[in-house]
Amino acid sequence: MVMFEAAVVVGVLALVVYATIRLLAGPPGLARPSRSAVQGGEWRIDHVDVHGRTRVLLQKVLPGSGEVLDEHVVATIAVDDPDYDAMFLQAMATARERRALFESEQDP
């Protein structure tokens, strides 16, 4: 009988914990906005050379702080590639096009 009562107490406690978590989490099916959507930000183009490769990046950053909220790699180019200059310029042009696209999709 003691085992049955202990199982009931544990079950009730588990139910209370579950109900509390569900109440704090909000209604089911309600998606929380992403961090980047909540805080806004502006898109910038950047490039980084790491281990003999250049990565052209499109980053969403917080104005003033520079904190990166989102990042897209546009291209990765080997530094010793004979067509490096042409590939780099093309990647930068693509990054500018994507930045314009992303900015046009943002809510005013």
C-alpha atoms as a PDB file:
ATOM      1  CA  MET A   1       0.000   0.000   0.000  1.00  0.00           C
ATOM      2  CA  VAL A   2       2.878   2.395   0.784  1.00  0.00           C
ATOM      3  CA  MET A   3       4.317   1.836  -2.709  1.00  0.00           C
ATOM      4  CA  PHE A   4       0.960   2.714  -4.289  1.00  0.00           C
ATOM      5  CA  GLU A   5       0.662   5.937  -2.263  1.00  0.00           C
ATOM      6  CA  ALA A   6       4.247   6.921  -3.150  1.00  0.00           C
ATOM      7  CA  ALA A   7       3.518   6.334  -6.839  1.00  0.00           C
ATOM      8  CA  VAL A   8       0.379   8.504  -6.635  1.00  0.00           C
ATOM      9  CA  VAL A   9       2.309  11.322  -4.909  1.00  0.00           C
ATOM     10  CA  VAL A  10       5.085  11.199  -7.519  1.00  0.00           C
ATOM     11  CA  GLY A  11       2.499  11.177 -10.308  1.00  0.00           C
ATOM     12  CA  VAL A  12       0.664  14.197  -8.874  1.00  0.00           C
ATOM     13  CA  LEU A  13       3.948  16.095  -8.479  1.00  0.00           C
ATOM     14  CA  ALA A  14       4.898  15.303 -12.069  1.00  0.00           C
ATOM     15  CA  LEU A  15       1.489  16.533 -13.243  1.00  0.00           C
ATOM     16  CA  VAL A  16       1.884  19.804 -11.311  1.00  0.00           C
ATOM     17  CA  VAL A  17       5.374  20.386 -12.760  1.00  0.00           C
ATOM     18  CA  TYR A  18       4.126  19.620 -16.288  1.00  0.00           C
ATOM     19  CA  ALA A  19       1.143  21.976 -15.936  1.00  0.00           C
ATOM     20  CA  THR A  20       3.378  24.761 -14.599  1.00  0.00           C
ATOM     21  CA  ILE A  21       5.773  24.429 -17.520  1.00  0.00           C
ATOM     22  CA  ARG A  22       2.908  24.452 -20.025  1.00  0.00           C
ATOM     23  CA  LEU A  23       1.416  27.583 -18.456  1.00  0.00           C
ATOM     24  CA  LEU A  24       4.736  29.421 -18.515  1.00  0.00           C
ATOM     25  CA  ALA A  25       5.471  28.390 -22.114  1.00  0.00           C
ATOM     26  CA  GLY A  26       2.278  29.974 -23.451  1.00  0.00           C
ATOM     27  CA  PRO A  27      -0.360  28.547 -25.754  1.00  0.00           C
ATOM     28  CA  PRO A  28       0.694  25.659 -28.013  1.00  0.00           C
ATOM     29  CA  GLY A  29       1.342  26.447 -31.663  1.00  0.00           C
ATOM     30  CA  LEU A  30       2.326  30.048 -30.953  1.00  0.00           C
ATOM     31  CA  ALA A  31       5.730  30.571 -32.536  1.00  0.00           C
ATOM     32  CA  ARG A  32       8.110  32.897 -30.799  1.00  0.00           C
ATOM     33  CA  PRO A  33       9.857  35.398 -33.063  1.00  0.00           C
ATOM     34  CA  SER A  34      13.531  34.844 -33.699  1.00  0.00           C
ATOM     35  CA  ARG A  35      16.123  36.999 -32.001  1.00  0.00           C
ATOM     36  CA  SER A  36      16.908  38.819 -35.239  1.00  0.00           C
ATOM     37  CA  ALA A  37      13.238  39.613 -35.828  1.00  0.00           C
ATOM     38  CA  VAL A  38      12.812  40.981 -32.324  1.00  0.00           C
ATOM     39  CA  GLN A  39      15.890  43.185 -32.245  1.00  0.00           C
ATOM     40  CA  GLY A  40      15.965  44.387 -35.862  1.00  0.00           C
ATOM     41  CA  GLY A  41      19.336  45.303 -37.235  1.00  0.00           C
ATOM     42  CA  GLU A  42      20.984  46.325 -40.467  1.00  0.00           C
ATOM     43  CA  TRP A  43      22.693  44.289 -43.179  1.00  0.00           C
ATOM     44  CA  ARG A  44      26.393  44.772 -43.922  1.00  0.00           C
ATOM     45  CA  ILE A  45      28.860  43.118 -46.257  1.00  0.00           C
ATOM     46  CA  ASP A  46      32.132  41.801 -44.860  1.00  0.00           C
ATOM     47  CA  HIS A  47      34.995  39.564 -45.944  1.00  0.00           C
ATOM     48  CA  VAL A  48      37.390  37.529 -43.824  1.00  0.00           C
ATOM     49  CA  ASP A  49      40.622  35.738 -44.772  1.00  0.00           C
ATOM     50  CA  VAL A  50      41.115  32.516 -42.808  1.00  0.00           C
ATOM     51  CA  HIS A  51      43.562  29.691 -43.586  1.00  0.00           C
ATOM     52  CA  GLY A  52      44.221  30.866 -47.150  1.00  0.00           C
ATOM     53  CA  ARG A  53      40.553  31.286 -48.042  1.00  0.00           C
ATOM     54  CA  THR A  54      38.472  34.449 -48.279  1.00  0.00           C
ATOM     55  CA  ARG A  55      34.862  34.270 -47.135  1.00  0.00           C
ATOM     56  CA  VAL A  56      32.510  36.959 -48.378  1.00  0.00           C
ATOM     57  CA  LEU A  57      29.752  37.412 -45.796  1.00  0.00           C
ATOM     58  CA  LEU A  58      26.428  39.161 -45.502  1.00  0.00           C
ATOM     59  CA  GLN A  59      25.740  39.911 -41.836  1.00  0.00           C
ATOM     60  CA  LYS A  60      22.802  41.380 -39.966  1.00  0.00           C
ATOM     61  CA  VAL A  61      24.179  43.434 -37.077  1.00  0.00           C
ATOM     62  CA  LEU A  62      22.848  45.626 -34.299  1.00  0.00           C
ATOM     63  CA  PRO A  63      23.663  49.277 -35.018  1.00  0.00           C
ATOM     64  CA  GLY A  64      26.126  50.700 -32.524  1.00  0.00           C
ATOM     65  CA  SER A  65      27.160  47.414 -30.926  1.00  0.00           C
ATOM     66  CA  GLY A  66      28.192  45.421 -34.002  1.00  0.00           C
ATOM     67  CA  GLU A  67      26.665  42.241 -32.532  1.00  0.00           C
ATOM     68  CA  VAL A  68      26.021  39.779 -35.372  1.00  0.00           C
ATOM     69  CA  LEU A  69      22.401  38.573 -35.378  1.00  0.00           C
ATOM     70  CA  ASP A  70      22.465  36.597 -38.636  1.00  0.00           C
ATOM     71  CA  GLU A  71      25.134  35.653 -41.154  1.00  0.00           C
ATOM     72  CA  HIS A  72      25.134  34.275 -44.694  1.00  0.00           C
ATOM     73  CA  VAL A  73      28.271  33.068 -46.491  1.00  0.00           C
ATOM     74  CA  VAL A  74      28.036  34.356 -50.054  1.00  0.00           C
ATOM     75  CA  ALA A  75      31.249  32.774 -51.367  1.00  0.00           C
ATOM     76  CA  THR A  76      34.498  31.151 -50.288  1.00  0.00           C
ATOM     77  CA  ILE A  77      37.511  31.784 -52.519  1.00  0.00           C
ATOM     78  CA  ALA A  78      41.019  30.339 -52.304  1.00  0.00           C
ATOM     79  CA  VAL A  79      43.543  33.175 -51.931  1.00  0.00           C
ATOM     80  CA  ASP A  80      45.940  31.523 -54.389  1.00  0.00           C
ATOM     81  CA  ASP A  81      43.265  31.050 -57.082  1.00  0.00           C
ATOM     82  CA  PRO A  82      44.449  32.636 -60.356  1.00  0.00           C
ATOM     83  CA  ASP A  83      40.978  34.173 -60.875  1.00  0.00           C
ATOM     84  CA  TYR A  84      40.821  35.508 -57.320  1.00  0.00           C
ATOM     85  CA  ASP A  85      40.190  39.142 -58.241  1.00  0.00           C
ATOM     86  CA  ALA A  86      37.334  38.398 -60.641  1.00  0.00           C
ATOM     87  CA  MET A  87      35.775  35.881 -58.238  1.00  0.00           C
ATOM     88  CA  PHE A  88      36.084  38.303 -55.300  1.00  0.00           C
ATOM     89  CA  LEU A  89      34.469  41.148 -57.236  1.00  0.00           C
ATOM     90  CA  GLN A  90      31.644  38.853 -58.361  1.00  0.00           C
ATOM     91  CA  ALA A  91      31.075  37.642 -54.782  1.00  0.00           C
ATOM     92  CA  MET A  92      30.942  41.237 -53.521  1.00  0.00           C
ATOM     93  CA  ALA A  93      28.427  42.144 -56.259  1.00  0.00           C
ATOM     94  CA  THR A  94      26.303  39.129 -55.289  1.00  0.00           C
ATOM     95  CA  ALA A  95      26.485  40.175 -51.618  1.00  0.00           C
ATOM     96  CA  ARG A  96      25.299  43.696 -52.522  1.00  0.00           C
ATOM     97  CA  GLU A  97      22.370  42.234 -54.487  1.00  0.00           C
ATOM     98  CA  ARG A  98      21.383  39.997 -51.578  1.00  0.00           C
ATOM     99  CA  ARG A  99      21.662  42.885 -49.120  1.00  0.00           C
ATOM    100  CA  ALA A 100      19.301  44.945 -51.294  1.00  0.00           C
ATOM    101  CA  LEU A 101      16.900  41.991 -51.466  1.00  0.00           C
ATOM    102  CA  PHE A 102      16.949  41.395 -47.699  1.00  0.00           C
ATOM    103  CA  GLU A 103      16.490  45.107 -46.970  1.00  0.00           C
ATOM    104  CA  SER A 104      13.506  45.277 -49.317  1.00  0.00           C
ATOM    105  CA  GLU A 105      11.872  42.351 -47.490  1.00  0.00           C
ATOM    106  CA  GLN A 106      12.171  43.961 -44.037  1.00  0.00           C
ATOM    107  CA  ASP A 107       9.112  45.618 -42.542  1.00  0.00           C
ATOM    108  CA  PRO A 108       9.369  49.408 -42.539  1.00  0.00           C
END
